[in-house]
Every structure is written in C-alpha cells, then in structure tokens.
Amino acid sequence: MPKRMGFKELLQQDVKNVFLNPAEFGETHTVNDKEMVIVIDDHELLERQIQGQYADGIYMKRKLAYVPAADFGPLPAKGSLFMIDEEGYIVVEAIAEGDIYAVTIEANESR
C-alpha cells in the first residue's frame, strides 16, 4: 500500500507543480547568479500597502518576489543585495512562508 502524503508534503508538491510552474505563475529569472523559477507579484505588493516614495524625480521601485527556498539558499537578510537578471535591489523584508521566501525588494529609479 503506497504511503499517504500529509498536508506538508502536498503543499511542497503544489509549490513546485502549481505556484512555481512556468505554465501557471512562475517565470525563469537569474537570481543572485542562479537560474530559477520565481514569481514576481506586484499585486500582492499593493495589497500589503508598500508604495514607492517620490522625491525630486527619484522614487523607490519596489517588487515582491517569491523564490524557492531550496534553490535560493538561506533567507536573505534585510539590507542585503538581491539581483534579478543583473538588476540590483536591496532587501526590505524577507519572510519564510514554508518552502518559499517572500522577499520585498527595492531600488532607486529616476524619471
């Protein structure tokens, strides 16, 4: 008789097969010199009420990236450099949500 999967195992399976699946939500990016499938969610960022700060033609571009913990490595520290496709960001907040890290990042942009 096959072993029955528990909730945590099913959730891990859904993370890879649904949420991080390129045919569903995921996109392949180079993150800190590693190619991996991630999700960049600007809608959730708005829901969390994190908005760019504007001053003298410069504003903060913010993104919320979901990255697989197994591929990324240790949870990134606040203030650390976070690279997506050779574009540099600073980590504002990083939260471990099971097998995925929710990482809020920002970069200065000018108009």
C-alpha atoms as a PDB file:
ATOM      1  CA  MET A   1       0.000   0.000   0.000  1.00  0.00           C
ATOM      2  CA  PRO A   2       1.529   3.382  -1.005  1.00  0.00           C
ATOM      3  CA  LYS A   3       2.351   5.824   1.745  1.00  0.00           C
ATOM      4  CA  ARG A   4      -0.241   8.561   2.041  1.00  0.00           C
ATOM      5  CA  MET A   5       1.135  12.098   1.795  1.00  0.00           C
ATOM      6  CA  GLY A   6       0.446  14.522   4.603  1.00  0.00           C
ATOM      7  CA  PHE A   7      -0.569  18.156   4.255  1.00  0.00           C
ATOM      8  CA  LYS A   8       3.017  19.460   4.296  1.00  0.00           C
ATOM      9  CA  GLU A   9       4.097  17.071   1.550  1.00  0.00           C
ATOM     10  CA  LEU A  10       1.090  18.051  -0.572  1.00  0.00           C
ATOM     11  CA  LEU A  11       1.865  21.726  -0.036  1.00  0.00           C
ATOM     12  CA  GLN A  12       5.507  21.225  -1.094  1.00  0.00           C
ATOM     13  CA  GLN A  13       4.299  19.449  -4.199  1.00  0.00           C
ATOM     14  CA  ASP A  14       1.865  22.299  -5.028  1.00  0.00           C
ATOM     15  CA  VAL A  15       4.621  24.901  -4.617  1.00  0.00           C
ATOM     16  CA  LYS A  16       6.660  23.281  -7.395  1.00  0.00           C
ATOM     17  CA  ASN A  17       3.884  21.915  -9.595  1.00  0.00           C
ATOM     18  CA  VAL A  18       1.470  24.863  -9.468  1.00  0.00           C
ATOM     19  CA  PHE A  19       2.746  28.100  -7.942  1.00  0.00           C
ATOM     20  CA  LEU A  20       6.293  27.980  -9.346  1.00  0.00           C
ATOM     21  CA  ASN A  21       5.270  26.209 -12.541  1.00  0.00           C
ATOM     22  CA  PRO A  22       6.189  28.364 -15.589  1.00  0.00           C
ATOM     23  CA  ALA A  23       2.935  27.280 -17.257  1.00  0.00           C
ATOM     24  CA  GLU A  24       0.985  28.720 -14.316  1.00  0.00           C
ATOM     25  CA  PHE A  25       2.563  31.589 -12.330  1.00  0.00           C
ATOM     26  CA  GLY A  26       6.340  31.096 -12.380  1.00  0.00           C
ATOM     27  CA  GLU A  27       8.917  32.755 -14.620  1.00  0.00           C
ATOM     28  CA  THR A  28      12.547  31.804 -15.120  1.00  0.00           C
ATOM     29  CA  HIS A  29      14.964  34.513 -13.941  1.00  0.00           C
ATOM     30  CA  THR A  30      18.583  34.695 -12.865  1.00  0.00           C
ATOM     31  CA  VAL A  31      18.562  35.437  -9.139  1.00  0.00           C
ATOM     32  CA  ASN A  32      21.920  36.099  -7.481  1.00  0.00           C
ATOM     33  CA  ASP A  33      23.694  34.304 -10.364  1.00  0.00           C
ATOM     34  CA  LYS A  34      21.419  31.226 -10.165  1.00  0.00           C
ATOM     35  CA  GLU A  35      18.742  30.449 -12.728  1.00  0.00           C
ATOM     36  CA  MET A  36      15.470  29.559 -11.027  1.00  0.00           C
ATOM     37  CA  VAL A  37      11.730  29.795 -11.423  1.00  0.00           C
ATOM     38  CA  ILE A  38      10.272  32.613  -9.312  1.00  0.00           C
ATOM     39  CA  VAL A  39       7.084  34.656  -9.088  1.00  0.00           C
ATOM     40  CA  ILE A  40       7.150  38.455  -9.103  1.00  0.00           C
ATOM     41  CA  ASP A  41       3.843  39.679  -7.683  1.00  0.00           C
ATOM     42  CA  ASP A  42       3.181  43.403  -7.922  1.00  0.00           C
ATOM     43  CA  HIS A  43      -0.500  42.943  -6.979  1.00  0.00           C
ATOM     44  CA  GLU A  44       0.344  41.458  -3.572  1.00  0.00           C
ATOM     45  CA  LEU A  45       2.735  44.343  -3.051  1.00  0.00           C
ATOM     46  CA  LEU A  46      -0.185  46.752  -3.423  1.00  0.00           C
ATOM     47  CA  GLU A  47      -2.247  44.648  -1.055  1.00  0.00           C
ATOM     48  CA  ARG A  48       0.495  44.951   1.558  1.00  0.00           C
ATOM     49  CA  GLN A  49       0.343  48.748   1.047  1.00  0.00           C
ATOM     50  CA  ILE A  50       4.000  49.170   0.238  1.00  0.00           C
ATOM     51  CA  GLN A  51       4.284  52.077  -2.149  1.00  0.00           C
ATOM     52  CA  GLY A  52       7.174  53.890  -3.799  1.00  0.00           C
ATOM     53  CA  GLN A  53       8.428  57.089  -2.184  1.00  0.00           C
ATOM     54  CA  TYR A  54       8.810  60.037  -4.522  1.00  0.00           C
ATOM     55  CA  ALA A  55      11.244  62.946  -4.097  1.00  0.00           C
ATOM     56  CA  ASP A  56      12.982  65.213  -6.614  1.00  0.00           C
ATOM     57  CA  GLY A  57      12.437  62.909  -9.604  1.00  0.00           C
ATOM     58  CA  ILE A  58      13.712  59.831  -7.762  1.00  0.00           C
ATOM     59  CA  TYR A  59      11.441  57.113  -6.488  1.00  0.00           C
ATOM     60  CA  MET A  60      11.744  53.681  -4.972  1.00  0.00           C
ATOM     61  CA  LYS A  61      10.824  50.851  -7.321  1.00  0.00           C
ATOM     62  CA  ARG A  62       9.544  48.001  -5.166  1.00  0.00           C
ATOM     63  CA  LYS A  63       8.764  44.416  -6.015  1.00  0.00           C
ATOM     64  CA  LEU A  64       7.662  41.342  -4.144  1.00  0.00           C
ATOM     65  CA  ALA A  65       9.457  38.199  -5.301  1.00  0.00           C
ATOM     66  CA  TYR A  66       8.592  34.662  -4.277  1.00  0.00           C
ATOM     67  CA  VAL A  67      11.649  32.430  -4.552  1.00  0.00           C
ATOM     68  CA  PRO A  68      12.009  28.716  -3.782  1.00  0.00           C
ATOM     69  CA  ALA A  69      13.958  28.305  -0.548  1.00  0.00           C
ATOM     70  CA  ALA A  70      15.657  25.117  -1.753  1.00  0.00           C
ATOM     71  CA  ASP A  71      17.082  26.855  -4.833  1.00  0.00           C
ATOM     72  CA  PHE A  72      17.847  30.210  -3.212  1.00  0.00           C
ATOM     73  CA  GLY A  73      19.632  29.103  -0.032  1.00  0.00           C
ATOM     74  CA  PRO A  74      19.468  30.883   3.350  1.00  0.00           C
ATOM     75  CA  LEU A  75      16.789  33.538   3.881  1.00  0.00           C
ATOM     76  CA  PRO A  76      18.232  36.861   2.663  1.00  0.00           C
ATOM     77  CA  ALA A  77      18.991  39.453   5.345  1.00  0.00           C
ATOM     78  CA  LYS A  78      17.358  42.865   5.413  1.00  0.00           C
ATOM     79  CA  GLY A  79      19.614  45.340   3.598  1.00  0.00           C
ATOM     80  CA  SER A  80      21.395  42.688   1.541  1.00  0.00           C
ATOM     81  CA  LEU A  81      21.853  42.847  -2.229  1.00  0.00           C
ATOM     82  CA  PHE A  82      19.297  40.902  -4.288  1.00  0.00           C
ATOM     83  CA  MET A  83      19.953  40.572  -8.019  1.00  0.00           C
ATOM     84  CA  ILE A  84      17.276  39.722 -10.587  1.00  0.00           C
ATOM     85  CA  ASP A  85      18.505  39.411 -14.160  1.00  0.00           C
ATOM     86  CA  GLU A  86      21.549  41.609 -13.428  1.00  0.00           C
ATOM     87  CA  GLU A  87      19.386  44.368 -11.891  1.00  0.00           C
ATOM     88  CA  GLY A  88      20.312  45.177  -8.286  1.00  0.00           C
ATOM     89  CA  TYR A  89      17.812  45.610  -5.461  1.00  0.00           C
ATOM     90  CA  ILE A  90      18.067  45.914  -1.694  1.00  0.00           C
ATOM     91  CA  VAL A  91      16.094  43.522   0.526  1.00  0.00           C
ATOM     92  CA  VAL A  92      13.485  45.435   2.542  1.00  0.00           C
ATOM     93  CA  GLU A  93      11.891  42.366   4.127  1.00  0.00           C
ATOM     94  CA  ALA A  94      12.202  38.607   3.743  1.00  0.00           C
ATOM     95  CA  ILE A  95       9.750  36.105   5.199  1.00  0.00           C
ATOM     96  CA  ALA A  96       9.927  32.318   5.037  1.00  0.00           C
ATOM     97  CA  GLU A  97       6.497  31.007   4.027  1.00  0.00           C
ATOM     98  CA  GLY A  98       7.055  27.290   4.094  1.00  0.00           C
ATOM     99  CA  ASP A  99       9.251  26.291   1.164  1.00  0.00           C
ATOM    100  CA  ILE A 100       9.029  29.763  -0.414  1.00  0.00           C
ATOM    101  CA  TYR A 101      10.582  33.061   0.615  1.00  0.00           C
ATOM    102  CA  ALA A 102       8.509  36.215   0.137  1.00  0.00           C
ATOM    103  CA  VAL A 103      11.145  38.899  -0.451  1.00  0.00           C
ATOM    104  CA  THR A 104      10.270  42.588  -0.711  1.00  0.00           C
ATOM    105  CA  ILE A 105      12.984  44.407  -2.654  1.00  0.00           C
ATOM    106  CA  GLU A 106      13.536  47.987  -3.769  1.00  0.00           C
ATOM    107  CA  ALA A 107      15.790  50.047  -5.987  1.00  0.00           C
ATOM    108  CA  ASN A 108      16.170  53.759  -6.650  1.00  0.00           C
ATOM    109  CA  GLU A 109      14.826  54.861 -10.025  1.00  0.00           C
ATOM    110  CA  SER A 110      14.847  58.262 -11.650  1.00  0.00           C
ATOM    111  CA  ARG A 111      12.319  59.759 -14.011  1.00  0.00           C
END
